[in-house]
Every structure is written in structure tokens, then in C-alpha cells.
């Protein structure tokens, strides 16, 4: 009888622990109520889509922007007509109230930008080195939704700490799907 009582107690304890562990595991894996569902997290959603990109009326490439990680980030996949491919990961950092982009491409370039959605435009800035040993240049990219559903991307650089800006790319995104 003692063996049965001990076995029953052990089984009950195991069930309690298992239930407790299951509840803990469920709590750890249960999704938060839309952790990235605020209006600020949706500010860059106008860029989501599959796009044909032109500059000066000529094809510059194709770009696909997807919402990933449960809507917490945007993943960009670029294929340029010149053969360069690249990806960026874009996320709204709610702790600082800033958007962040990390860009990497097949030429070995890395660009990190941060900024905000201001006056209907996404404006991100950062600094980059053109060549090893060169002075960093400021980089600013502005995405502006256009009335017909297209998006303008204006990329500018400044070698004089923002006093003057040079246009690096001025492209129009048109949806292909």
C-alpha cells in the first residue's frame, strides 16, 4: 500500500509539475497582443510590395519588400540591372522612437541608417565610408509615397557634414503585382 501511495503521490506531483511546465511554456510562447501593431510600426508599410524601379525613365532594377517576423520588420530584396543584389532589414525601434535600416549588398557594402516618418516621408540617415581610409560621408534616403501608388526613393550623400547634398539615386518604384 505504501508503494501505491508513493507512486500515486509521485504521479500527482509529476502531473502538477508537467501542468505547471506546460502553462509556463504556453505563457512563454503565447504571442503578445500585436507587439508590433502600433501605428508607428505601420509607417513604412507603403513600401511593401513587388516593384519595378526606374531612374530617369530607365530600368534600374527590381525590388521586393516583405513584412516579416509577425509584422515587426520589413525585408528588402534588391536586384539591380548592373548585377548588384542586396538586402535590408528595417525595423521600428519603439524604445527610441526611430526607424532603423541595415543594408548589405553583393559588392560588400554595409549601410546603417536611422530616422523617422516625417511629413508623409520616411527619412533615414547615417554615415558610410566610400573607400577604406576615406572620410565618412553622410547618407540620407527619403521614401515618398506618390499619388498613383508608386514610391519615390531619393538617395543623397554629403561630404561636408550636410551643408550640401549630392543625389546618388532618384528612383521611382512601380508595383508589378
C-alpha atoms as a PDB file:
ATOM      1  CA  UNK A   1       0.000   0.000   0.000  1.00  0.00           C
ATOM      2  CA  UNK A   2       2.891   2.346   0.806  1.00  0.00           C
ATOM      3  CA  UNK A   3       4.342   1.700  -2.655  1.00  0.00           C
ATOM      4  CA  UNK A   4       0.984   2.512  -4.263  1.00  0.00           C
ATOM      5  CA  UNK A   5       0.619   5.707  -2.212  1.00  0.00           C
ATOM      6  CA  UNK A   6       4.145   6.788  -3.095  1.00  0.00           C
ATOM      7  CA  UNK A   7       3.574   6.006  -6.767  1.00  0.00           C
ATOM      8  CA  UNK A   8       0.266   7.919  -6.743  1.00  0.00           C
ATOM      9  CA  UNK A   9       1.911  10.878  -4.998  1.00  0.00           C
ATOM     10  CA  UNK A  10       4.779  10.826  -7.494  1.00  0.00           C
ATOM     11  CA  UNK A  11       2.331  10.658 -10.406  1.00  0.00           C
ATOM     12  CA  UNK A  12       0.281  13.548  -8.990  1.00  0.00           C
ATOM     13  CA  UNK A  13       3.431  15.598  -8.418  1.00  0.00           C
ATOM     14  CA  UNK A  14       4.579  14.857 -11.972  1.00  0.00           C
ATOM     15  CA  UNK A  15       1.178  15.889 -13.332  1.00  0.00           C
ATOM     16  CA  UNK A  16       1.289  19.126 -11.349  1.00  0.00           C
ATOM     17  CA  UNK A  17       4.824  19.840 -12.491  1.00  0.00           C
ATOM     18  CA  UNK A  18       4.016  18.878 -16.056  1.00  0.00           C
ATOM     19  CA  UNK A  19       0.913  21.052 -15.999  1.00  0.00           C
ATOM     20  CA  UNK A  20       2.896  23.893 -14.461  1.00  0.00           C
ATOM     21  CA  UNK A  21       5.669  23.440 -17.014  1.00  0.00           C
ATOM     22  CA  UNK A  22       3.115  23.315 -19.811  1.00  0.00           C
ATOM     23  CA  UNK A  23       1.491  26.507 -18.537  1.00  0.00           C
ATOM     24  CA  UNK A  24       4.894  28.183 -18.298  1.00  0.00           C
ATOM     25  CA  UNK A  25       5.845  27.042 -21.795  1.00  0.00           C
ATOM     26  CA  UNK A  26       2.490  28.214 -23.153  1.00  0.00           C
ATOM     27  CA  UNK A  27       2.948  31.602 -21.480  1.00  0.00           C
ATOM     28  CA  UNK A  28       6.444  31.915 -22.952  1.00  0.00           C
ATOM     29  CA  UNK A  29       5.316  31.035 -26.475  1.00  0.00           C
ATOM     30  CA  UNK A  30       1.953  32.835 -26.437  1.00  0.00           C
ATOM     31  CA  UNK A  31       2.127  35.826 -28.754  1.00  0.00           C
ATOM     32  CA  UNK A  32       1.802  39.235 -27.196  1.00  0.00           C
ATOM     33  CA  UNK A  33      -1.234  41.094 -28.370  1.00  0.00           C
ATOM     34  CA  UNK A  34       0.257  42.528 -31.572  1.00  0.00           C
ATOM     35  CA  UNK A  35       3.702  43.526 -30.232  1.00  0.00           C
ATOM     36  CA  UNK A  36       4.379  45.476 -33.438  1.00  0.00           C
ATOM     37  CA  UNK A  37       0.830  46.574 -34.177  1.00  0.00           C
ATOM     38  CA  UNK A  38       1.078  50.253 -33.274  1.00  0.00           C
ATOM     39  CA  UNK A  39       0.554  52.949 -35.924  1.00  0.00           C
ATOM     40  CA  UNK A  40       4.294  53.788 -35.694  1.00  0.00           C
ATOM     41  CA  UNK A  41       5.155  50.193 -36.664  1.00  0.00           C
ATOM     42  CA  UNK A  42       2.982  50.562 -39.802  1.00  0.00           C
ATOM     43  CA  UNK A  43       4.545  53.835 -41.060  1.00  0.00           C
ATOM     44  CA  UNK A  44       6.743  52.115 -43.668  1.00  0.00           C
ATOM     45  CA  UNK A  45       4.091  49.652 -44.899  1.00  0.00           C
ATOM     46  CA  UNK A  46       3.567  51.777 -48.033  1.00  0.00           C
ATOM     47  CA  UNK A  47       6.861  50.292 -49.273  1.00  0.00           C
ATOM     48  CA  UNK A  48       5.672  46.671 -49.023  1.00  0.00           C
ATOM     49  CA  UNK A  49       5.265  45.070 -52.449  1.00  0.00           C
ATOM     50  CA  UNK A  50       6.985  43.833 -55.582  1.00  0.00           C
ATOM     51  CA  UNK A  51       8.373  46.710 -57.601  1.00  0.00           C
ATOM     52  CA  UNK A  52       9.939  47.632 -60.912  1.00  0.00           C
ATOM     53  CA  UNK A  53      12.355  50.504 -60.263  1.00  0.00           C
ATOM     54  CA  UNK A  54      13.351  53.163 -62.776  1.00  0.00           C
ATOM     55  CA  UNK A  55      15.736  56.097 -62.675  1.00  0.00           C
ATOM     56  CA  UNK A  56      15.435  58.790 -65.312  1.00  0.00           C
ATOM     57  CA  UNK A  57      12.905  56.627 -67.166  1.00  0.00           C
ATOM     58  CA  UNK A  58      15.355  53.705 -67.494  1.00  0.00           C
ATOM     59  CA  UNK A  59      15.149  50.390 -65.659  1.00  0.00           C
ATOM     60  CA  UNK A  60      17.309  50.353 -62.526  1.00  0.00           C
ATOM     61  CA  UNK A  61      16.193  47.021 -61.111  1.00  0.00           C
ATOM     62  CA  UNK A  62      13.583  45.050 -59.240  1.00  0.00           C
ATOM     63  CA  UNK A  63      12.810  45.192 -55.545  1.00  0.00           C
ATOM     64  CA  UNK A  64      10.629  43.129 -53.262  1.00  0.00           C
ATOM     65  CA  UNK A  65       9.730  44.316 -49.776  1.00  0.00           C
ATOM     66  CA  UNK A  66       8.010  41.875 -47.427  1.00  0.00           C
ATOM     67  CA  UNK A  67       6.620  42.193 -43.942  1.00  0.00           C
ATOM     68  CA  UNK A  68       8.424  39.589 -41.790  1.00  0.00           C
ATOM     69  CA  UNK A  69       8.637  38.465 -38.180  1.00  0.00           C
ATOM     70  CA  UNK A  70       4.960  38.901 -37.487  1.00  0.00           C
ATOM     71  CA  UNK A  71       4.911  42.428 -38.869  1.00  0.00           C
ATOM     72  CA  UNK A  72       7.865  43.568 -36.753  1.00  0.00           C
ATOM     73  CA  UNK A  73      10.244  44.150 -39.678  1.00  0.00           C
ATOM     74  CA  UNK A  74      10.462  44.710 -43.415  1.00  0.00           C
ATOM     75  CA  UNK A  75      12.844  42.643 -45.533  1.00  0.00           C
ATOM     76  CA  UNK A  76      14.062  44.205 -48.780  1.00  0.00           C
ATOM     77  CA  UNK A  77      15.479  42.096 -51.636  1.00  0.00           C
ATOM     78  CA  UNK A  78      17.054  44.173 -54.432  1.00  0.00           C
ATOM     79  CA  UNK A  79      18.317  43.064 -57.835  1.00  0.00           C
ATOM     80  CA  UNK A  80      19.880  45.879 -59.843  1.00  0.00           C
ATOM     81  CA  UNK A  81      20.236  45.927 -63.625  1.00  0.00           C
ATOM     82  CA  UNK A  82      24.012  46.279 -63.125  1.00  0.00           C
ATOM     83  CA  UNK A  83      24.172  42.908 -61.345  1.00  0.00           C
ATOM     84  CA  UNK A  84      24.363  44.090 -57.721  1.00  0.00           C
ATOM     85  CA  UNK A  85      21.985  42.352 -55.342  1.00  0.00           C
ATOM     86  CA  UNK A  86      21.278  43.378 -51.790  1.00  0.00           C
ATOM     87  CA  UNK A  87      19.066  43.061 -48.754  1.00  0.00           C
ATOM     88  CA  UNK A  88      17.970  45.360 -45.998  1.00  0.00           C
ATOM     89  CA  UNK A  89      16.213  44.737 -42.724  1.00  0.00           C
ATOM     90  CA  UNK A  90      14.062  47.596 -41.474  1.00  0.00           C
ATOM     91  CA  UNK A  91      12.546  47.858 -38.015  1.00  0.00           C
ATOM     92  CA  UNK A  92      10.810  50.440 -35.872  1.00  0.00           C
ATOM     93  CA  UNK A  93      12.698  50.717 -32.574  1.00  0.00           C
ATOM     94  CA  UNK A  94       9.884  51.650 -30.204  1.00  0.00           C
ATOM     95  CA  UNK A  95      12.317  52.151 -27.305  1.00  0.00           C
ATOM     96  CA  UNK A  96      13.907  55.108 -29.136  1.00  0.00           C
ATOM     97  CA  UNK A  97      11.064  56.104 -31.459  1.00  0.00           C
ATOM     98  CA  UNK A  98      13.275  55.603 -34.548  1.00  0.00           C
ATOM     99  CA  UNK A  99      13.285  53.519 -37.692  1.00  0.00           C
ATOM    100  CA  UNK A 100      16.485  51.553 -38.355  1.00  0.00           C
ATOM    101  CA  UNK A 101      17.742  50.036 -41.622  1.00  0.00           C
ATOM    102  CA  UNK A 102      20.739  47.772 -42.135  1.00  0.00           C
ATOM    103  CA  UNK A 103      21.680  47.318 -45.812  1.00  0.00           C
ATOM    104  CA  UNK A 104      24.185  44.754 -47.139  1.00  0.00           C
ATOM    105  CA  UNK A 105      24.897  44.023 -50.797  1.00  0.00           C
ATOM    106  CA  UNK A 106      26.890  41.744 -53.087  1.00  0.00           C
ATOM    107  CA  UNK A 107      29.651  44.341 -53.507  1.00  0.00           C
ATOM    108  CA  UNK A 108      30.393  44.115 -49.787  1.00  0.00           C
ATOM    109  CA  UNK A 109      28.735  47.424 -48.904  1.00  0.00           C
ATOM    110  CA  UNK A 110      27.211  47.988 -45.495  1.00  0.00           C
ATOM    111  CA  UNK A 111      24.987  50.935 -44.705  1.00  0.00           C
ATOM    112  CA  UNK A 112      23.125  51.591 -41.475  1.00  0.00           C
ATOM    113  CA  UNK A 113      20.528  54.326 -41.373  1.00  0.00           C
ATOM    114  CA  UNK A 114      18.123  55.677 -38.776  1.00  0.00           C
ATOM    115  CA  UNK A 115      15.358  58.215 -38.819  1.00  0.00           C
ATOM    116  CA  UNK A 116      11.668  58.960 -38.697  1.00  0.00           C
ATOM    117  CA  UNK A 117       8.496  59.223 -40.698  1.00  0.00           C
ATOM    118  CA  UNK A 118       8.117  62.997 -41.118  1.00  0.00           C
ATOM    119  CA  UNK A 119       5.568  64.955 -43.163  1.00  0.00           C
ATOM    120  CA  UNK A 120       4.454  61.852 -45.069  1.00  0.00           C
ATOM    121  CA  UNK A 121       8.002  60.695 -45.910  1.00  0.00           C
ATOM    122  CA  UNK A 122      10.340  58.100 -44.423  1.00  0.00           C
ATOM    123  CA  UNK A 123      13.699  59.837 -43.933  1.00  0.00           C
ATOM    124  CA  UNK A 124      16.676  57.745 -42.777  1.00  0.00           C
ATOM    125  CA  UNK A 125      20.256  58.977 -42.371  1.00  0.00           C
ATOM    126  CA  UNK A 126      23.643  57.539 -41.487  1.00  0.00           C
ATOM    127  CA  UNK A 127      27.291  57.729 -42.427  1.00  0.00           C
ATOM    128  CA  UNK A 128      29.357  55.481 -44.652  1.00  0.00           C
ATOM    129  CA  UNK A 129      32.887  55.124 -45.935  1.00  0.00           C
ATOM    130  CA  UNK A 130      33.231  55.226 -49.710  1.00  0.00           C
ATOM    131  CA  UNK A 131      36.661  53.566 -49.574  1.00  0.00           C
ATOM    132  CA  UNK A 132      38.936  52.202 -46.863  1.00  0.00           C
ATOM    133  CA  UNK A 133      40.718  55.114 -45.245  1.00  0.00           C
ATOM    134  CA  UNK A 134      38.305  57.682 -46.709  1.00  0.00           C
ATOM    135  CA  UNK A 135      36.398  60.191 -44.615  1.00  0.00           C
ATOM    136  CA  UNK A 136      32.840  59.149 -43.803  1.00  0.00           C
ATOM    137  CA  UNK A 137      30.078  60.739 -45.844  1.00  0.00           C
ATOM    138  CA  UNK A 138      26.565  61.392 -44.653  1.00  0.00           C
ATOM    139  CA  UNK A 139      23.901  59.367 -46.400  1.00  0.00           C
ATOM    140  CA  UNK A 140      20.215  60.262 -46.491  1.00  0.00           C
ATOM    141  CA  UNK A 141      17.491  58.223 -48.147  1.00  0.00           C
ATOM    142  CA  UNK A 142      13.932  59.506 -48.397  1.00  0.00           C
ATOM    143  CA  UNK A 143      10.982  57.349 -49.470  1.00  0.00           C
ATOM    144  CA  UNK A 144       7.894  59.299 -50.519  1.00  0.00           C
ATOM    145  CA  UNK A 145       4.559  57.660 -51.414  1.00  0.00           C
ATOM    146  CA  UNK A 146       3.241  59.104 -54.693  1.00  0.00           C
ATOM    147  CA  UNK A 147      -0.424  59.745 -55.564  1.00  0.00           C
ATOM    148  CA  UNK A 148      -0.738  56.857 -58.072  1.00  0.00           C
ATOM    149  CA  UNK A 149       0.604  54.285 -55.582  1.00  0.00           C
ATOM    150  CA  UNK A 150       4.219  54.463 -56.685  1.00  0.00           C
ATOM    151  CA  UNK A 151       7.080  55.387 -54.330  1.00  0.00           C
ATOM    152  CA  UNK A 152       9.944  57.798 -54.946  1.00  0.00           C
ATOM    153  CA  UNK A 153      13.296  56.916 -53.379  1.00  0.00           C
ATOM    154  CA  UNK A 154      15.791  59.772 -53.211  1.00  0.00           C
ATOM    155  CA  UNK A 155      19.289  58.857 -52.009  1.00  0.00           C
ATOM    156  CA  UNK A 156      21.656  61.730 -51.281  1.00  0.00           C
ATOM    157  CA  UNK A 157      25.160  61.997 -49.850  1.00  0.00           C
ATOM    158  CA  UNK A 158      27.092  64.836 -48.252  1.00  0.00           C
ATOM    159  CA  UNK A 159      30.866  65.092 -47.880  1.00  0.00           C
ATOM    160  CA  UNK A 160      30.629  68.386 -45.964  1.00  0.00           C
ATOM    161  CA  UNK A 161      28.583  67.350 -42.921  1.00  0.00           C
ATOM    162  CA  UNK A 162      25.235  68.162 -44.516  1.00  0.00           C
ATOM    163  CA  UNK A 163      25.905  71.650 -45.877  1.00  0.00           C
ATOM    164  CA  UNK A 164      25.423  70.434 -49.457  1.00  0.00           C
ATOM    165  CA  UNK A 165      23.884  67.236 -50.827  1.00  0.00           C
ATOM    166  CA  UNK A 166      24.597  65.256 -53.992  1.00  0.00           C
ATOM    167  CA  UNK A 167      21.925  62.992 -55.499  1.00  0.00           C
ATOM    168  CA  UNK A 168      23.159  59.404 -55.733  1.00  0.00           C
ATOM    169  CA  UNK A 169      19.875  57.825 -56.833  1.00  0.00           C
ATOM    170  CA  UNK A 170      16.444  59.215 -57.650  1.00  0.00           C
ATOM    171  CA  UNK A 171      14.194  56.306 -58.478  1.00  0.00           C
ATOM    172  CA  UNK A 172      10.519  55.571 -58.926  1.00  0.00           C
ATOM    173  CA  UNK A 173       9.046  52.306 -57.663  1.00  0.00           C
ATOM    174  CA  UNK A 174       6.024  50.979 -59.602  1.00  0.00           C
ATOM    175  CA  UNK A 175       4.149  47.913 -58.413  1.00  0.00           C
ATOM    176  CA  UNK A 176       4.399  44.817 -60.591  1.00  0.00           C
ATOM    177  CA  UNK A 177       1.821  42.829 -58.616  1.00  0.00           C
END
